PDB file of all heavy atoms in Angstrom:
ATOM      1  N   ARG A   1     -53.338   3.012 -37.939  1.00  0.00           N
ATOM      2  CA  ARG A   1     -52.965   3.343 -36.565  1.00  0.00           C
ATOM      3  C   ARG A   1     -53.140   4.843 -36.357  1.00  0.00           C
ATOM      4  O   ARG A   1     -52.987   5.632 -37.287  1.00  0.00           O
ATOM      5  CB  ARG A   1     -51.513   2.957 -36.283  1.00  0.00           C
ATOM      6  CG  ARG A   1     -51.221   1.466 -36.381  1.00  0.00           C
ATOM      7  CD  ARG A   1     -49.802   1.188 -35.943  1.00  0.00           C
ATOM      8  NE  ARG A   1     -49.451  -0.212 -36.060  1.00  0.00           N
ATOM      9  CZ  ARG A   1     -48.283  -0.722 -35.686  1.00  0.00           C
ATOM     10  NH1 ARG A   1     -47.351   0.081 -35.183  1.00  0.00           N
ATOM     11  NH2 ARG A   1     -48.038  -1.996 -35.823  1.00  0.00           N
ATOM     12  N   PRO A   2     -53.419   5.260 -35.132  1.00  0.00           N
ATOM     13  CA  PRO A   2     -53.507   6.704 -34.876  1.00  0.00           C
ATOM     14  C   PRO A   2     -52.151   7.371 -35.039  1.00  0.00           C
ATOM     15  O   PRO A   2     -51.100   6.745 -34.824  1.00  0.00           O
ATOM     16  CB  PRO A   2     -54.007   6.775 -33.423  1.00  0.00           C
ATOM     17  CG  PRO A   2     -53.623   5.471 -32.815  1.00  0.00           C
ATOM     18  CD  PRO A   2     -53.720   4.460 -33.925  1.00  0.00           C
ATOM     19  N   LEU A   3     -52.159   8.640 -35.430  1.00  0.00           N
ATOM     20  CA  LEU A   3     -50.902   9.363 -35.645  1.00  0.00           C
ATOM     21  C   LEU A   3     -50.055   9.417 -34.381  1.00  0.00           C
ATOM     22  O   LEU A   3     -48.823   9.417 -34.450  1.00  0.00           O
ATOM     23  CB  LEU A   3     -51.212  10.786 -36.122  1.00  0.00           C
ATOM     24  CG  LEU A   3     -51.742  10.932 -37.551  1.00  0.00           C
ATOM     25  CD1 LEU A   3     -52.080  12.381 -37.839  1.00  0.00           C
ATOM     26  CD2 LEU A   3     -50.739  10.418 -38.554  1.00  0.00           C
ATOM     27  N   ILE A   4     -50.699   9.430 -33.222  1.00  0.00           N
ATOM     28  CA  ILE A   4     -49.966   9.555 -31.966  1.00  0.00           C
ATOM     29  C   ILE A   4     -49.111   8.325 -31.706  1.00  0.00           C
ATOM     30  O   ILE A   4     -48.210   8.344 -30.864  1.00  0.00           O
ATOM     31  CB  ILE A   4     -50.959   9.788 -30.797  1.00  0.00           C
ATOM     32  CG1 ILE A   4     -50.221  10.318 -29.556  1.00  0.00           C
ATOM     33  CG2 ILE A   4     -51.740   8.532 -30.486  1.00  0.00           C
ATOM     34  CD1 ILE A   4     -49.620  11.668 -29.737  1.00  0.00           C
ATOM     35  N   SER A   5     -49.362   7.217 -32.424  1.00  0.00           N
ATOM     36  CA  SER A   5     -48.559   6.017 -32.239  1.00  0.00           C
ATOM     37  C   SER A   5     -47.188   6.136 -32.892  1.00  0.00           C
ATOM     38  O   SER A   5     -46.310   5.319 -32.649  1.00  0.00           O
ATOM     39  CB  SER A   5     -49.297   4.792 -32.797  1.00  0.00           C
ATOM     40  OG  SER A   5     -49.445   4.908 -34.199  1.00  0.00           O
ATOM     41  N   CYS A   6     -46.988   7.145 -33.717  1.00  0.00           N
ATOM     42  CA  CYS A   6     -45.707   7.346 -34.394  1.00  0.00           C
ATOM     43  C   CYS A   6     -44.775   8.163 -33.500  1.00  0.00           C
ATOM     44  O   CYS A   6     -45.143   9.260 -33.044  1.00  0.00           O
ATOM     45  CB  CYS A   6     -45.930   8.061 -35.726  1.00  0.00           C
ATOM     46  SG  CYS A   6     -44.398   8.449 -36.604  1.00  0.00           S
ATOM     47  N   PRO A   7     -43.565   7.694 -33.201  1.00  0.00           N
ATOM     48  CA  PRO A   7     -42.641   8.453 -32.331  1.00  0.00           C
ATOM     49  C   PRO A   7     -42.333   9.846 -32.862  1.00  0.00           C
ATOM     50  O   PRO A   7     -42.204  10.795 -32.084  1.00  0.00           O
ATOM     51  CB  PRO A   7     -41.389   7.573 -32.295  1.00  0.00           C
ATOM     52  CG  PRO A   7     -41.871   6.203 -32.622  1.00  0.00           C
ATOM     53  CD  PRO A   7     -43.006   6.385 -33.581  1.00  0.00           C
ATOM     54  N   LEU A   8     -42.220   9.995 -34.187  1.00  0.00           N
ATOM     55  CA  LEU A   8     -41.914  11.309 -34.749  1.00  0.00           C
ATOM     56  C   LEU A   8     -43.045  12.295 -34.482  1.00  0.00           C
ATOM     57  O   LEU A   8     -42.795  13.469 -34.154  1.00  0.00           O
ATOM     58  CB  LEU A   8     -41.657  11.180 -36.253  1.00  0.00           C
ATOM     59  CG  LEU A   8     -41.337  12.487 -36.993  1.00  0.00           C
ATOM     60  CD1 LEU A   8     -40.109  13.142 -36.412  1.00  0.00           C
ATOM     61  CD2 LEU A   8     -41.160  12.217 -38.484  1.00  0.00           C
ATOM     62  N   ILE A   9     -44.293  11.847 -34.590  1.00  0.00           N
ATOM     63  CA  ILE A   9     -45.428  12.723 -34.318  1.00  0.00           C
ATOM     64  C   ILE A   9     -45.443  13.129 -32.849  1.00  0.00           C
ATOM     65  O   ILE A   9     -45.663  14.300 -32.507  1.00  0.00           O
ATOM     66  CB  ILE A   9     -46.745  12.029 -34.700  1.00  0.00           C
ATOM     67  CG1 ILE A   9     -46.775  11.719 -36.209  1.00  0.00           C
ATOM     68  CG2 ILE A   9     -47.941  12.884 -34.316  1.00  0.00           C
ATOM     69  CD1 ILE A   9     -46.713  12.919 -37.093  1.00  0.00           C
ATOM     70  N   ARG A  10     -45.196  12.177 -31.954  1.00  0.00           N
ATOM     71  CA  ARG A  10     -45.146  12.503 -30.522  1.00  0.00           C
ATOM     72  C   ARG A  10     -44.027  13.492 -30.225  1.00  0.00           C
ATOM     73  O   ARG A  10     -44.191  14.414 -29.410  1.00  0.00           O
ATOM     74  CB  ARG A  10     -44.959  11.223 -29.709  1.00  0.00           C
ATOM     75  CG  ARG A  10     -46.146  10.269 -29.756  1.00  0.00           C
ATOM     76  CD  ARG A  10     -46.054   9.243 -28.635  1.00  0.00           C
ATOM     77  NE  ARG A  10     -44.868   8.407 -28.760  1.00  0.00           N
ATOM     78  CZ  ARG A  10     -44.820   7.248 -29.389  1.00  0.00           C
ATOM     79  NH1 ARG A  10     -45.921   6.784 -29.983  1.00  0.00           N
ATOM     80  NH2 ARG A  10     -43.715   6.545 -29.444  1.00  0.00           N
ATOM     81  N   ALA A  11     -42.886  13.327 -30.894  1.00  0.00           N
ATOM     82  CA  ALA A  11     -41.772  14.254 -30.676  1.00  0.00           C
ATOM     83  C   ALA A  11     -42.122  15.657 -31.150  1.00  0.00           C
ATOM     84  O   ALA A  11     -41.785  16.655 -30.494  1.00  0.00           O
ATOM     85  CB  ALA A  11     -40.534  13.732 -31.392  1.00  0.00           C
ATOM     86  N   LEU A  12     -42.815  15.759 -32.286  1.00  0.00           N
ATOM     87  CA  LEU A  12     -43.221  17.080 -32.786  1.00  0.00           C
ATOM     88  C   LEU A  12     -44.201  17.757 -31.829  1.00  0.00           C
ATOM     89  O   LEU A  12     -44.118  18.967 -31.589  1.00  0.00           O
ATOM     90  CB  LEU A  12     -43.841  16.931 -34.170  1.00  0.00           C
ATOM     91  CG  LEU A  12     -42.878  16.607 -35.315  1.00  0.00           C
ATOM     92  CD1 LEU A  12     -43.650  16.312 -36.585  1.00  0.00           C
ATOM     93  CD2 LEU A  12     -41.903  17.762 -35.553  1.00  0.00           C
ATOM     94  N   LEU A  13     -45.131  16.988 -31.280  1.00  0.00           N
ATOM     95  CA  LEU A  13     -46.094  17.563 -30.331  1.00  0.00           C
ATOM     96  C   LEU A  13     -45.390  18.060 -29.072  1.00  0.00           C
ATOM     97  O   LEU A  13     -45.743  19.108 -28.517  1.00  0.00           O
ATOM     98  CB  LEU A  13     -47.159  16.526 -29.978  1.00  0.00           C
ATOM     99  CG  LEU A  13     -48.089  16.105 -31.125  1.00  0.00           C
ATOM    100  CD1 LEU A  13     -49.026  14.996 -30.675  1.00  0.00           C
ATOM    101  CD2 LEU A  13     -48.883  17.291 -31.637  1.00  0.00           C
ATOM    102  N   THR A  14     -44.391  17.303 -28.608  1.00  0.00           N
ATOM    103  CA  THR A  14     -43.612  17.751 -27.444  1.00  0.00           C
ATOM    104  C   THR A  14     -42.848  19.017 -27.765  1.00  0.00           C
ATOM    105  O   THR A  14     -42.750  19.939 -26.940  1.00  0.00           O
ATOM    106  CB  THR A  14     -42.643  16.641 -27.008  1.00  0.00           C
ATOM    107  OG1 THR A  14     -43.374  15.442 -26.748  1.00  0.00           O
ATOM    108  CG2 THR A  14     -41.893  17.046 -25.750  1.00  0.00           C
ATOM    109  N   LEU A  15     -42.313  19.078 -28.990  1.00  0.00           N
ATOM    110  CA  LEU A  15     -41.563  20.271 -29.401  1.00  0.00           C
ATOM    111  C   LEU A  15     -42.472  21.497 -29.443  1.00  0.00           C
ATOM    112  O   LEU A  15     -42.061  22.613 -29.074  1.00  0.00           O
ATOM    113  CB  LEU A  15     -40.936  20.018 -30.763  1.00  0.00           C
ATOM    114  CG  LEU A  15     -39.868  21.011 -31.224  1.00  0.00           C
ATOM    115  CD1 LEU A  15     -38.682  20.982 -30.282  1.00  0.00           C
ATOM    116  CD2 LEU A  15     -39.426  20.682 -32.643  1.00  0.00           C
ATOM    117  N   LEU A  16     -43.729  21.324 -29.871  1.00  0.00           N
ATOM    118  CA  LEU A  16     -44.680  22.440 -29.890  1.00  0.00           C
ATOM    119  C   LEU A  16     -44.918  22.988 -28.496  1.00  0.00           C
ATOM    120  O   LEU A  16     -45.074  24.197 -28.296  1.00  0.00           O
ATOM    121  CB  LEU A  16     -46.005  21.978 -30.510  1.00  0.00           C
ATOM    122  CG  LEU A  16     -45.999  21.689 -32.010  1.00  0.00           C
ATOM    123  CD1 LEU A  16     -47.366  21.178 -32.449  1.00  0.00           C
ATOM    124  CD2 LEU A  16     -45.636  22.932 -32.803  1.00  0.00           C
ATOM    125  N   ALA A  17     -44.952  22.106 -27.498  1.00  0.00           N
ATOM    126  CA  ALA A  17     -45.177  22.553 -26.121  1.00  0.00           C
ATOM    127  C   ALA A  17     -44.026  23.395 -25.602  1.00  0.00           C
ATOM    128  O   ALA A  17     -44.216  24.237 -24.713  1.00  0.00           O
ATOM    129  CB  ALA A  17     -45.390  21.340 -25.214  1.00  0.00           C
ATOM    130  N   LEU A  18     -42.828  23.203 -26.161  1.00  0.00           N
ATOM    131  CA  LEU A  18     -41.669  23.989 -25.731  1.00  0.00           C
ATOM    132  C   LEU A  18     -41.563  25.318 -26.480  1.00  0.00           C
ATOM    133  O   LEU A  18     -40.897  26.242 -26.009  1.00  0.00           O
ATOM    134  CB  LEU A  18     -40.389  23.180 -25.953  1.00  0.00           C
ATOM    135  CG  LEU A  18     -40.245  21.915 -25.104  1.00  0.00           C
ATOM    136  CD1 LEU A  18     -39.035  21.117 -25.550  1.00  0.00           C
ATOM    137  CD2 LEU A  18     -40.132  22.260 -23.630  1.00  0.00           C
ATOM    138  N   VAL A  19     -42.217  25.411 -27.639  1.00  0.00           N
ATOM    139  CA  VAL A  19     -42.150  26.633 -28.436  1.00  0.00           C
ATOM    140  C   VAL A  19     -43.331  27.552 -28.151  1.00  0.00           C
ATOM    141  O   VAL A  19     -43.160  28.774 -28.003  1.00  0.00           O
ATOM    142  CB  VAL A  19     -42.102  26.289 -29.936  1.00  0.00           C
ATOM    143  CG1 VAL A  19     -42.170  27.554 -30.792  1.00  0.00           C
ATOM    144  CG2 VAL A  19     -40.838  25.500 -30.254  1.00  0.00           C
ATOM    145  N   TYR A  20     -44.524  26.992 -28.044  1.00  0.00           N
ATOM    146  CA  TYR A  20     -45.735  27.776 -27.837  1.00  0.00           C
ATOM    147  C   TYR A  20     -46.167  27.728 -26.372  1.00  0.00           C
ATOM    148  O   TYR A  20     -45.933  26.734 -25.675  1.00  0.00           O
ATOM    149  CB  TYR A  20     -46.872  27.263 -28.723  1.00  0.00           C
ATOM    150  CG  TYR A  20     -46.583  27.397 -30.192  1.00  0.00           C
ATOM    151  CD1 TYR A  20     -46.017  26.335 -30.898  1.00  0.00           C
ATOM    152  CD2 TYR A  20     -46.848  28.570 -30.881  1.00  0.00           C
ATOM    153  CE1 TYR A  20     -45.738  26.442 -32.255  1.00  0.00           C
ATOM    154  CE2 TYR A  20     -46.579  28.689 -32.239  1.00  0.00           C
ATOM    155  CZ  TYR A  20     -46.017  27.624 -32.910  1.00  0.00           C
ATOM    156  OH  TYR A  20     -45.743  27.745 -34.246  1.00  0.00           O
ATOM    157  N   ALA A  21     -46.816  28.784 -25.916  1.00  0.00           N
ATOM    158  CA  ALA A  21     -47.214  28.891 -24.516  1.00  0.00           C
ATOM    159  C   ALA A  21     -48.464  28.071 -24.222  1.00  0.00           C
ATOM    160  O   ALA A  21     -49.222  27.694 -25.126  1.00  0.00           O
ATOM    161  CB  ALA A  21     -47.463  30.365 -24.162  1.00  0.00           C
ATOM    162  N   ASN A  22     -48.653  27.799 -22.938  1.00  0.00           N
ATOM    163  CA  ASN A  22     -49.868  27.152 -22.408  1.00  0.00           C
ATOM    164  C   ASN A  22     -50.052  25.710 -22.882  1.00  0.00           C
ATOM    165  O   ASN A  22     -51.171  25.203 -22.921  1.00  0.00           O
ATOM    166  CB  ASN A  22     -51.123  27.964 -22.776  1.00  0.00           C
ATOM    167  CG  ASN A  22     -51.055  29.389 -22.272  1.00  0.00           C
ATOM    168  OD1 ASN A  22     -50.588  29.638 -21.148  1.00  0.00           O
ATOM    169  ND2 ASN A  22     -51.495  30.330 -23.087  1.00  0.00           N
ATOM    170  N   LEU A  23     -48.971  25.047 -23.221  1.00  0.00           N
ATOM    171  CA  LEU A  23     -49.057  23.646 -23.638  1.00  0.00           C
ATOM    172  C   LEU A  23     -48.220  22.728 -22.756  1.00  0.00           C
ATOM    173  O   LEU A  23     -47.977  21.576 -23.103  1.00  0.00           O
ATOM    174  CB  LEU A  23     -48.590  23.499 -25.095  1.00  0.00           C
ATOM    175  CG  LEU A  23     -49.395  24.254 -26.151  1.00  0.00           C
ATOM    176  CD1 LEU A  23     -48.775  24.066 -27.528  1.00  0.00           C
ATOM    177  CD2 LEU A  23     -50.842  23.785 -26.164  1.00  0.00           C
ATOM    178  N   GLY A  24     -47.782  23.237 -21.619  1.00  0.00           N
ATOM    179  CA  GLY A  24     -46.872  22.475 -20.769  1.00  0.00           C
ATOM    180  C   GLY A  24     -47.443  21.175 -20.244  1.00  0.00           C
ATOM    181  O   GLY A  24     -46.709  20.210 -20.020  1.00  0.00           O
ATOM    182  N   ARG A  25     -48.750  21.119 -20.044  1.00  0.00           N
ATOM    183  CA  ARG A  25     -49.356  19.884 -19.520  1.00  0.00           C
ATOM    184  C   ARG A  25     -49.279  18.738 -20.522  1.00  0.00           C
ATOM    185  O   ARG A  25     -49.495  17.580 -20.143  1.00  0.00           O
ATOM    186  CB  ARG A  25     -50.816  20.143 -19.148  1.00  0.00           C
ATOM    187  CG  ARG A  25     -50.984  21.101 -17.971  1.00  0.00           C
ATOM    188  CD  ARG A  25     -52.447  21.294 -17.623  1.00  0.00           C
ATOM    189  NE  ARG A  25     -52.629  22.136 -16.458  1.00  0.00           N
ATOM    190  CZ  ARG A  25     -52.674  23.467 -16.503  1.00  0.00           C
ATOM    191  NH1 ARG A  25     -52.555  24.083 -17.676  1.00  0.00           N
ATOM    192  NH2 ARG A  25     -52.830  24.169 -15.397  1.00  0.00           N
ATOM    193  N   LEU A  26     -49.003  19.065 -21.773  1.00  0.00           N
ATOM    194  CA  LEU A  26     -48.945  18.031 -22.808  1.00  0.00           C
ATOM    195  C   LEU A  26     -47.536  17.489 -23.017  1.00  0.00           C
ATOM    196  O   LEU A  26     -47.319  16.687 -23.927  1.00  0.00           O
ATOM    197  CB  LEU A  26     -49.461  18.603 -24.137  1.00  0.00           C
ATOM    198  CG  LEU A  26     -50.873  19.196 -24.117  1.00  0.00           C
ATOM    199  CD1 LEU A  26     -51.228  19.747 -25.488  1.00  0.00           C
ATOM    200  CD2 LEU A  26     -51.882  18.136 -23.690  1.00  0.00           C
ATOM    201  N   ALA A  27     -46.583  17.911 -22.182  1.00  0.00           N
ATOM    202  CA  ALA A  27     -45.186  17.503 -22.378  1.00  0.00           C
ATOM    203  C   ALA A  27     -44.606  16.968 -21.074  1.00  0.00           C
ATOM    204  O   ALA A  27     -43.865  17.673 -20.387  1.00  0.00           O
ATOM    205  CB  ALA A  27     -44.360  18.675 -22.904  1.00  0.00           C
ATOM    206  N   PRO A  28     -44.913  15.721 -20.706  1.00  0.00           N
ATOM    207  CA  PRO A  28     -44.301  15.133 -19.511  1.00  0.00           C
ATOM    208  C   PRO A  28     -42.834  14.801 -19.746  1.00  0.00           C
ATOM    209  O   PRO A  28     -42.329  14.872 -20.872  1.00  0.00           O
ATOM    210  CB  PRO A  28     -45.129  13.858 -19.288  1.00  0.00           C
ATOM    211  CG  PRO A  28     -45.661  13.519 -20.643  1.00  0.00           C
ATOM    212  CD  PRO A  28     -45.875  14.822 -21.342  1.00  0.00           C
ATOM    213  N   GLN A  29     -42.141  14.415 -18.687  1.00  0.00           N
ATOM    214  CA  GLN A  29     -40.700  14.177 -18.798  1.00  0.00           C
ATOM    215  C   GLN A  29     -40.376  13.030 -19.749  1.00  0.00           C
ATOM    216  O   GLN A  29     -39.418  13.109 -20.519  1.00  0.00           O
ATOM    217  CB  GLN A  29     -40.114  13.886 -17.412  1.00  0.00           C
ATOM    218  CG  GLN A  29     -40.009  15.109 -16.517  1.00  0.00           C
ATOM    219  CD  GLN A  29     -39.322  14.796 -15.201  1.00  0.00           C
ATOM    220  OE1 GLN A  29     -39.178  13.636 -14.831  1.00  0.00           O
ATOM    221  NE2 GLN A  29     -38.897  15.827 -14.482  1.00  0.00           N
ATOM    222  N   GLU A  30     -41.159  11.948 -19.691  1.00  0.00           N
ATOM    223  CA  GLU A  30     -40.857  10.826 -20.576  1.00  0.00           C
ATOM    224  C   GLU A  30     -41.029  11.201 -22.048  1.00  0.00           C
ATOM    225  O   GLU A  30     -40.323  10.701 -22.925  1.00  0.00           O
ATOM    226  CB  GLU A  30     -41.737   9.621 -20.235  1.00  0.00           C
ATOM    227  CG  GLU A  30     -43.233   9.884 -20.306  1.00  0.00           C
ATOM    228  CD  GLU A  30     -43.820  10.388 -19.004  1.00  0.00           C
ATOM    229  OE1 GLU A  30     -43.032  10.850 -18.154  1.00  0.00           O
ATOM    230  OE2 GLU A  30     -45.040  10.305 -18.840  1.00  0.00           O
ATOM    231  N   ALA A  31     -41.976  12.135 -22.324  1.00  0.00           N
ATOM    232  CA  ALA A  31     -42.157  12.593 -23.696  1.00  0.00           C
ATOM    233  C   ALA A  31     -40.965  13.433 -24.144  1.00  0.00           C
ATOM    234  O   ALA A  31     -40.557  13.371 -25.310  1.00  0.00           O
ATOM    235  CB  ALA A  31     -43.451  13.388 -23.826  1.00  0.00           C
ATOM    236  N   LEU A  32     -40.407  14.211 -23.208  1.00  0.00           N
ATOM    237  CA  LEU A  32     -39.242  15.016 -23.549  1.00  0.00           C
ATOM    238  C   LEU A  32     -38.046  14.128 -23.872  1.00  0.00           C
ATOM    239  O   LEU A  32     -37.299  14.397 -24.820  1.00  0.00           O
ATOM    240  CB  LEU A  32     -38.902  15.952 -22.392  1.00  0.00           C
ATOM    241  CG  LEU A  32     -37.681  16.834 -22.661  1.00  0.00           C
ATOM    242  CD1 LEU A  32     -38.072  18.003 -23.531  1.00  0.00           C
ATOM    243  CD2 LEU A  32     -37.027  17.284 -21.390  1.00  0.00           C
ATOM    244  N   ALA A  33     -37.865  13.070 -23.098  1.00  0.00           N
ATOM    245  CA  ALA A  33     -36.748  12.159 -23.368  1.00  0.00           C
ATOM    246  C   ALA A  33     -36.877  11.547 -24.755  1.00  0.00           C
ATOM    247  O   ALA A  33     -35.886  11.447 -25.497  1.00  0.00           O
ATOM    248  CB  ALA A  33     -36.719  11.061 -22.291  1.00  0.00           C
TER     249      ALA A  33
END
């Protein structure tokens, strides 16, 4: 399965968008929840 199918991987990617700049488009509200 692709890594993006894992909830932990998706959560880490969302966390990166909150720490690093210019990644806001990759973190929608449902991903934040």
